[in-house]
PDB file of N, CA and C in Angstrom:
ATOM      1  N   MET A   1      10.124   2.190 -20.558  1.00  0.00           N
ATOM      2  CA  MET A   1       8.859   2.253 -21.263  1.00  0.00           C
ATOM      3  C   MET A   1       8.610   0.932 -21.984  1.00  0.00           C
ATOM      4  N   THR A   2       7.357   0.678 -22.231  1.00  0.00           N
ATOM      5  CA  THR A   2       6.990  -0.529 -22.955  1.00  0.00           C
ATOM      6  C   THR A   2       6.995  -0.258 -24.446  1.00  0.00           C
ATOM      7  N   GLU A   3       6.700  -1.295 -25.226  1.00  0.00           N
ATOM      8  CA  GLU A   3       6.690  -1.158 -26.684  1.00  0.00           C
ATOM      9  C   GLU A   3       5.657  -0.138 -27.164  1.00  0.00           C
ATOM     10  N   THR A   4       4.586   0.076 -26.415  1.00  0.00           N
ATOM     11  CA  THR A   4       3.540   1.012 -26.819  1.00  0.00           C
ATOM     12  C   THR A   4       3.867   2.447 -26.437  1.00  0.00           C
ATOM     13  N   GLY A   5       4.994   2.670 -25.763  1.00  0.00           N
ATOM     14  CA  GLY A   5       5.378   4.015 -25.373  1.00  0.00           C
ATOM     15  C   GLY A   5       4.856   4.426 -24.009  1.00  0.00           C
ATOM     16  N   LYS A   6       4.051   3.587 -23.395  1.00  0.00           N
ATOM     17  CA  LYS A   6       3.545   3.878 -22.053  1.00  0.00           C
ATOM     18  C   LYS A   6       4.566   3.432 -21.021  1.00  0.00           C
ATOM     19  N   PRO A   7       4.632   4.128 -19.877  1.00  0.00           N
ATOM     20  CA  PRO A   7       5.526   3.659 -18.816  1.00  0.00           C
ATOM     21  C   PRO A   7       5.080   2.287 -18.317  1.00  0.00           C
ATOM     22  N   LYS A   8       6.039   1.476 -17.902  1.00  0.00           N
ATOM     23  CA  LYS A   8       5.731   0.152 -17.377  1.00  0.00           C
ATOM     24  C   LYS A   8       4.940   0.292 -16.083  1.00  0.00           C
ATOM     25  N   GLN A   9       3.887  -0.517 -15.942  1.00  0.00           N
ATOM     26  CA  GLN A   9       3.100  -0.494 -14.718  1.00  0.00           C
ATOM     27  C   GLN A   9       3.877  -1.195 -13.609  1.00  0.00           C
ATOM     28  N   LEU A  10       4.053  -0.505 -12.518  1.00  0.00           N
ATOM     29  CA  LEU A  10       4.663  -1.072 -11.323  1.00  0.00           C
ATOM     30  C   LEU A  10       3.604  -0.998 -10.233  1.00  0.00           C
ATOM     31  N   LEU A  11       2.739  -2.008 -10.184  1.00  0.00           N
ATOM     32  CA  LEU A  11       1.563  -1.969  -9.320  1.00  0.00           C
ATOM     33  C   LEU A  11       1.909  -1.927  -7.845  1.00  0.00           C
ATOM     34  N   HIS A  12       1.152  -1.082  -7.114  1.00  0.00           N
ATOM     35  CA  HIS A  12       1.303  -0.928  -5.671  1.00  0.00           C
ATOM     36  C   HIS A  12      -0.072  -0.977  -5.020  1.00  0.00           C
ATOM     37  N   LEU A  13      -0.166  -1.722  -3.938  1.00  0.00           N
ATOM     38  CA  LEU A  13      -1.399  -1.841  -3.159  1.00  0.00           C
ATOM     39  C   LEU A  13      -1.271  -0.996  -1.901  1.00  0.00           C
ATOM     40  N   VAL A  14      -2.303  -0.205  -1.608  1.00  0.00           N
ATOM     41  CA  VAL A  14      -2.351   0.571  -0.366  1.00  0.00           C
ATOM     42  C   VAL A  14      -3.488   0.013   0.473  1.00  0.00           C
ATOM     43  N   PHE A  15      -3.155  -0.365   1.701  1.00  0.00           N
ATOM     44  CA  PHE A  15      -4.176  -0.889   2.615  1.00  0.00           C
ATOM     45  C   PHE A  15      -3.779  -0.549   4.048  1.00  0.00           C
ATOM     46  N   GLY A  16      -4.744  -0.681   4.942  1.00  0.00           N
ATOM     47  CA  GLY A  16      -4.451  -0.399   6.338  1.00  0.00           C
ATOM     48  C   GLY A  16      -5.448  -1.050   7.257  1.00  0.00           C
ATOM     49  N   GLY A  17      -5.158  -0.925   8.525  1.00  0.00           N
ATOM     50  CA  GLY A  17      -6.036  -1.477   9.536  1.00  0.00           C
ATOM     51  C   GLY A  17      -5.528  -1.146  10.919  1.00  0.00           C
ATOM     52  N   GLU A  18      -6.320  -1.504  11.899  1.00  0.00           N
ATOM     53  CA  GLU A  18      -5.962  -1.220  13.281  1.00  0.00           C
ATOM     54  C   GLU A  18      -5.110  -2.358  13.834  1.00  0.00           C
ATOM     55  N   LEU A  19      -3.965  -2.019  14.404  1.00  0.00           N
ATOM     56  CA  LEU A  19      -3.042  -3.006  14.941  1.00  0.00           C
ATOM     57  C   LEU A  19      -3.428  -3.398  16.365  1.00  0.00           C
ATOM     58  N   GLU A  20      -3.088  -4.628  16.752  1.00  0.00           N
ATOM     59  CA  GLU A  20      -3.337  -5.085  18.122  1.00  0.00           C
ATOM     60  C   GLU A  20      -2.462  -4.328  19.105  1.00  0.00           C
ATOM     61  N   ASN A  21      -1.186  -4.114  18.726  1.00  0.00           N
ATOM     62  CA  ASN A  21      -0.272  -3.333  19.564  1.00  0.00           C
ATOM     63  C   ASN A  21       0.707  -2.606  18.660  1.00  0.00           C
ATOM     64  N   LEU A  22       1.467  -1.703  19.230  1.00  0.00           N
ATOM     65  CA  LEU A  22       2.353  -0.859  18.418  1.00  0.00           C
ATOM     66  C   LEU A  22       3.707  -1.495  18.129  1.00  0.00           C
ATOM     67  N   GLN A  23       3.981  -2.654  18.707  1.00  0.00           N
ATOM     68  CA  GLN A  23       5.274  -3.298  18.524  1.00  0.00           C
ATOM     69  C   GLN A  23       5.278  -4.338  17.402  1.00  0.00           C
ATOM     70  N   ASP A  24       4.124  -4.673  16.856  1.00  0.00           N
ATOM     71  CA  ASP A  24       4.041  -5.749  15.875  1.00  0.00           C
ATOM     72  C   ASP A  24       2.998  -5.411  14.812  1.00  0.00           C
ATOM     73  N   VAL A  25       3.094  -6.047  13.660  1.00  0.00           N
ATOM     74  CA  VAL A  25       2.104  -5.850  12.605  1.00  0.00           C
ATOM     75  C   VAL A  25       1.134  -7.029  12.650  1.00  0.00           C
ATOM     76  N   GLN A  26       0.243  -6.986  13.610  1.00  0.00           N
ATOM     77  CA  GLN A  26      -0.846  -7.952  13.762  1.00  0.00           C
ATOM     78  C   GLN A  26      -2.128  -7.140  13.830  1.00  0.00           C
ATOM     79  N   PHE A  27      -3.032  -7.388  12.899  1.00  0.00           N
ATOM     80  CA  PHE A  27      -4.256  -6.595  12.827  1.00  0.00           C
ATOM     81  C   PHE A  27      -5.307  -7.119  13.798  1.00  0.00           C
ATOM     82  N   ARG A  28      -6.053  -6.194  14.396  1.00  0.00           N
ATOM     83  CA  ARG A  28      -7.124  -6.559  15.327  1.00  0.00           C
ATOM     84  C   ARG A  28      -8.224  -7.354  14.652  1.00  0.00           C
ATOM     85  N   ASP A  29      -8.628  -6.914  13.464  1.00  0.00           N
ATOM     86  CA  ASP A  29      -9.757  -7.539  12.774  1.00  0.00           C
ATOM     87  C   ASP A  29      -9.480  -7.551  11.274  1.00  0.00           C
ATOM     88  N   LEU A  30      -9.119  -8.713  10.752  1.00  0.00           N
ATOM     89  CA  LEU A  30      -8.792  -8.811   9.326  1.00  0.00           C
ATOM     90  C   LEU A  30      -9.971  -8.462   8.430  1.00  0.00           C
ATOM     91  N   SER A  31     -11.181  -8.714   8.908  1.00  0.00           N
ATOM     92  CA  SER A  31     -12.352  -8.394   8.085  1.00  0.00           C
ATOM     93  C   SER A  31     -12.591  -6.889   7.990  1.00  0.00           C
ATOM     94  N   ALA A  32     -11.923  -6.110   8.832  1.00  0.00           N
ATOM     95  CA  ALA A  32     -12.088  -4.659   8.824  1.00  0.00           C
ATOM     96  C   ALA A  32     -10.940  -3.933   8.120  1.00  0.00           C
ATOM     97  N   LEU A  33     -10.064  -4.679   7.448  1.00  0.00           N
ATOM     98  CA  LEU A  33      -8.968  -4.023   6.730  1.00  0.00           C
ATOM     99  C   LEU A  33      -9.529  -3.064   5.684  1.00  0.00           C
ATOM    100  N   ASP A  34      -8.881  -1.936   5.546  1.00  0.00           N
ATOM    101  CA  ASP A  34      -9.271  -0.913   4.575  1.00  0.00           C
ATOM    102  C   ASP A  34      -8.393  -1.068   3.340  1.00  0.00           C
ATOM    103  N   ILE A  35      -8.959  -1.624   2.265  1.00  0.00           N
ATOM    104  CA  ILE A  35      -8.231  -1.743   1.005  1.00  0.00           C
ATOM    105  C   ILE A  35      -8.463  -0.438   0.244  1.00  0.00           C
ATOM    106  N   VAL A  36      -7.453   0.411   0.254  1.00  0.00           N
ATOM    107  CA  VAL A  36      -7.574   1.730  -0.368  1.00  0.00           C
ATOM    108  C   VAL A  36      -7.599   1.611  -1.881  1.00  0.00           C
ATOM    109  N   GLY A  37      -6.680   0.817  -2.441  1.00  0.00           N
ATOM    110  CA  GLY A  37      -6.674   0.643  -3.881  1.00  0.00           C
ATOM    111  C   GLY A  37      -5.352   0.138  -4.416  1.00  0.00           C
ATOM    112  N   ILE A  38      -5.333  -0.110  -5.714  1.00  0.00           N
ATOM    113  CA  ILE A  38      -4.129  -0.528  -6.429  1.00  0.00           C
ATOM    114  C   ILE A  38      -3.769   0.597  -7.386  1.00  0.00           C
ATOM    115  N   TYR A  39      -2.497   0.963  -7.387  1.00  0.00           N
ATOM    116  CA  TYR A  39      -2.028   2.122  -8.143  1.00  0.00           C
ATOM    117  C   TYR A  39      -0.929   1.715  -9.118  1.00  0.00           C
ATOM    118  N   PRO A  40      -0.822   2.434 -10.247  1.00  0.00           N
ATOM    119  CA  PRO A  40       0.105   2.037 -11.306  1.00  0.00           C
ATOM    120  C   PRO A  40       1.565   2.401 -11.052  1.00  0.00           C
ATOM    121  N   ASP A  41       1.825   3.194 -10.010  1.00  0.00           N
ATOM    122  CA  ASP A  41       3.195   3.591  -9.713  1.00  0.00           C
ATOM    123  C   ASP A  41       3.297   3.993  -8.242  1.00  0.00           C
ATOM    124  N   TYR A  42       4.524   4.084  -7.777  1.00  0.00           N
ATOM    125  CA  TYR A  42       4.760   4.393  -6.364  1.00  0.00           C
ATOM    126  C   TYR A  42       4.262   5.786  -5.989  1.00  0.00           C
ATOM    127  N   ALA A  43       4.446   6.756  -6.857  1.00  0.00           N
ATOM    128  CA  ALA A  43       4.042   8.131  -6.549  1.00  0.00           C
ATOM    129  C   ALA A  43       2.541   8.225  -6.274  1.00  0.00           C
ATOM    130  N   SER A  44       1.737   7.557  -7.085  1.00  0.00           N
ATOM    131  CA  SER A  44       0.286   7.551  -6.882  1.00  0.00           C
ATOM    132  C   SER A  44      -0.076   6.849  -5.586  1.00  0.00           C
ATOM    133  N   ALA A  45       0.591   5.728  -5.314  1.00  0.00           N
ATOM    134  CA  ALA A  45       0.336   4.988  -4.078  1.00  0.00           C
ATOM    135  C   ALA A  45       0.716   5.821  -2.864  1.00  0.00           C
ATOM    136  N   LEU A  46       1.816   6.532  -2.940  1.00  0.00           N
ATOM    137  CA  LEU A  46       2.264   7.370  -1.826  1.00  0.00           C
ATOM    138  C   LEU A  46       1.270   8.488  -1.538  1.00  0.00           C
ATOM    139  N   THR A  47       0.714   9.079  -2.565  1.00  0.00           N
ATOM    140  CA  THR A  47      -0.297  10.126  -2.390  1.00  0.00           C
ATOM    141  C   THR A  47      -1.520   9.570  -1.664  1.00  0.00           C
ATOM    142  N   ALA A  48      -1.983   8.384  -2.078  1.00  0.00           N
ATOM    143  CA  ALA A  48      -3.137   7.750  -1.425  1.00  0.00           C
ATOM    144  C   ALA A  48      -2.808   7.381   0.013  1.00  0.00           C
ATOM    145  N   TRP A  49      -1.610   6.846   0.237  1.00  0.00           N
ATOM    146  CA  TRP A  49      -1.175   6.463   1.579  1.00  0.00           C
ATOM    147  C   TRP A  49      -1.159   7.676   2.508  1.00  0.00           C
ATOM    148  N   LYS A  50      -0.576   8.769   2.045  1.00  0.00           N
ATOM    149  CA  LYS A  50      -0.505   9.990   2.864  1.00  0.00           C
ATOM    150  C   LYS A  50      -1.892  10.486   3.239  1.00  0.00           C
ATOM    151  N   SER A  51      -2.796  10.451   2.297  1.00  0.00           N
ATOM    152  CA  SER A  51      -4.166  10.909   2.543  1.00  0.00           C
ATOM    153  C   SER A  51      -4.841  10.074   3.623  1.00  0.00           C
ATOM    154  N   LYS A  52      -4.764   8.744   3.495  1.00  0.00           N
ATOM    155  CA  LYS A  52      -5.408   7.867   4.473  1.00  0.00           C
ATOM    156  C   LYS A  52      -4.713   7.954   5.828  1.00  0.00           C
ATOM    157  N   ALA A  53      -3.401   8.027   5.836  1.00  0.00           N
ATOM    158  CA  ALA A  53      -2.667   8.124   7.093  1.00  0.00           C
ATOM    159  C   ALA A  53      -3.027   9.420   7.828  1.00  0.00           C
ATOM    160  N   GLN A  54      -3.162  10.500   7.082  1.00  0.00           N
ATOM    161  CA  GLN A  54      -3.524  11.778   7.703  1.00  0.00           C
ATOM    162  C   GLN A  54      -4.931  11.729   8.286  1.00  0.00           C
ATOM    163  N   MET A  55      -5.852  11.032   7.630  1.00  0.00           N
ATOM    164  CA  MET A  55      -7.230  10.927   8.128  1.00  0.00           C
ATOM    165  C   MET A  55      -7.319  10.179   9.455  1.00  0.00           C
ATOM    166  N   THR A  56      -6.348   9.309   9.713  1.00  0.00           N
ATOM    167  CA  THR A  56      -6.404   8.466  10.917  1.00  0.00           C
ATOM    168  C   THR A  56      -5.311   8.821  11.919  1.00  0.00           C
ATOM    169  N   VAL A  57      -4.779  10.010  11.824  1.00  0.00           N
ATOM    170  CA  VAL A  57      -3.646  10.410  12.665  1.00  0.00           C
ATOM    171  C   VAL A  57      -3.992  10.376  14.164  1.00  0.00           C
ATOM    172  N   ASP A  58      -5.240  10.514  14.522  1.00  0.00           N
ATOM    173  CA  ASP A  58      -5.634  10.509  15.931  1.00  0.00           C
ATOM    174  C   ASP A  58      -5.713   9.109  16.533  1.00  0.00           C
ATOM    175  N   ASN A  59      -5.637   8.072  15.718  1.00  0.00           N
ATOM    176  CA  ASN A  59      -5.684   6.699  16.202  1.00  0.00           C
ATOM    177  C   ASN A  59      -4.288   6.085  16.056  1.00  0.00           C
ATOM    178  N   ALA A  60      -3.564   5.994  17.164  1.00  0.00           N
ATOM    179  CA  ALA A  60      -2.181   5.504  17.132  1.00  0.00           C
ATOM    180  C   ALA A  60      -2.076   4.063  16.637  1.00  0.00           C
ATOM    181  N   HIS A  61      -3.132   3.278  16.766  1.00  0.00           N
ATOM    182  CA  HIS A  61      -3.091   1.881  16.350  1.00  0.00           C
ATOM    183  C   HIS A  61      -3.419   1.674  14.866  1.00  0.00           C
ATOM    184  N   MET A  62      -3.887   2.712  14.210  1.00  0.00           N
ATOM    185  CA  MET A  62      -4.247   2.595  12.790  1.00  0.00           C
ATOM    186  C   MET A  62      -3.002   2.826  11.943  1.00  0.00           C
ATOM    187  N   ARG A  63      -2.719   1.883  11.036  1.00  0.00           N
ATOM    188  CA  ARG A  63      -1.551   1.986  10.168  1.00  0.00           C
ATOM    189  C   ARG A  63      -1.934   1.652   8.731  1.00  0.00           C
ATOM    190  N   TYR A  64      -1.313   2.363   7.815  1.00  0.00           N
ATOM    191  CA  TYR A  64      -1.480   2.101   6.390  1.00  0.00           C
ATOM    192  C   TYR A  64      -0.130   1.705   5.806  1.00  0.00           C
ATOM    193  N   PHE A  65      -0.178   0.839   4.796  1.00  0.00           N
ATOM    194  CA  PHE A  65       1.027   0.286   4.199  1.00  0.00           C
ATOM    195  C   PHE A  65       0.942   0.360   2.678  1.00  0.00           C
ATOM    196  N   ILE A  66       2.121   0.394   2.052  1.00  0.00           N
ATOM    197  CA  ILE A  66       2.230   0.285   0.594  1.00  0.00           C
ATOM    198  C   ILE A  66       2.940  -1.030   0.298  1.00  0.00           C
ATOM    199  N   VAL A  67       2.290  -1.884  -0.480  1.00  0.00           N
ATOM    200  CA  VAL A  67       2.874  -3.161  -0.887  1.00  0.00           C
ATOM    201  C   VAL A  67       3.292  -3.049  -2.342  1.00  0.00           C
ATOM    202  N   HIS A  68       4.532  -3.390  -2.624  1.00  0.00           N
ATOM    203  CA  HIS A  68       5.057  -3.361  -3.989  1.00  0.00           C
ATOM    204  C   HIS A  68       4.620  -4.648  -4.697  1.00  0.00           C
ATOM    205  N   MET A  69       3.413  -4.621  -5.247  1.00  0.00           N
ATOM    206  CA  MET A  69       2.859  -5.820  -5.891  1.00  0.00           C
ATOM    207  C   MET A  69       3.698  -6.276  -7.073  1.00  0.00           C
ATOM    208  N   HIS A  70       4.309  -5.349  -7.791  1.00  0.00           N
ATOM    209  CA  HIS A  70       5.114  -5.715  -8.955  1.00  0.00           C
ATOM    210  C   HIS A  70       6.279  -6.603  -8.549  1.00  0.00           C
ATOM    211  N   ARG A  71       6.771  -6.457  -7.330  1.00  0.00           N
ATOM    212  CA  ARG A  71       7.857  -7.316  -6.852  1.00  0.00           C
ATOM    213  C   ARG A  71       7.356  -8.721  -6.546  1.00  0.00           C
ATOM    214  N   LEU A  72       6.101  -8.839  -6.137  1.00  0.00           N
ATOM    215  CA  LEU A  72       5.516 -10.156  -5.882  1.00  0.00           C
ATOM    216  C   LEU A  72       5.179 -10.869  -7.193  1.00  0.00           C
ATOM    217  N   LEU A  73       4.710 -10.088  -8.169  1.00  0.00           N
ATOM    218  CA  LEU A  73       4.301 -10.661  -9.451  1.00  0.00           C
ATOM    219  C   LEU A  73       5.505 -11.056 -10.313  1.00  0.00           C
ATOM    220  N   ASN A  74       6.576 -10.271 -10.214  1.00  0.00           N
ATOM    221  CA  ASN A  74       7.782 -10.522 -11.020  1.00  0.00           C
ATOM    222  C   ASN A  74       9.011 -10.422 -10.120  1.00  0.00           C
ATOM    223  N   PRO A  75       9.275 -11.423  -9.279  1.00  0.00           N
ATOM    224  CA  PRO A  75      10.371 -11.318  -8.313  1.00  0.00           C
ATOM    225  C   PRO A  75      11.755 -11.240  -8.953  1.00  0.00           C
ATOM    226  N   ASP A  76      11.888 -11.633 -10.207  1.00  0.00           N
ATOM    227  CA  ASP A  76      13.195 -11.593 -10.863  1.00  0.00           C
ATOM    228  C   ASP A  76      13.533 -10.223 -11.451  1.00  0.00           C
ATOM    229  N   ASP A  77      12.537  -9.346 -11.568  1.00  0.00           N
ATOM    230  CA  ASP A  77      12.786  -8.002 -12.080  1.00  0.00           C
ATOM    231  C   ASP A  77      13.659  -7.229 -11.101  1.00  0.00           C
ATOM    232  N   LYS A  78      14.533  -6.416 -11.624  1.00  0.00           N
ATOM    233  CA  LYS A  78      15.460  -5.622 -10.802  1.00  0.00           C
ATOM    234  C   LYS A  78      14.861  -4.290 -10.363  1.00  0.00           C
ATOM    235  N   ILE A  79      13.685  -3.914 -10.878  1.00  0.00           N
ATOM    236  CA  ILE A  79      13.063  -2.634 -10.544  1.00  0.00           C
ATOM    237  C   ILE A  79      12.417  -2.707  -9.198  1.00  0.00           C
TER     238      ILE A  79
END
């Protein structure tokens, strides 16, 4: 927890897009990426990811990802 008593924000980005092929993470159209949102913790990001992934289950090339932004912002943190 932080000094204010709130849990520390561990930001996570959820985004997705259609892949060129199933063997690599290369997007067909970068301008069409779906930026779902930024979430304050992994649990919230996972809920959003599951929702979007379920909506696109019929498209095998559509993939959604969770990026641990807090690791990019503070690479020395052990969390």
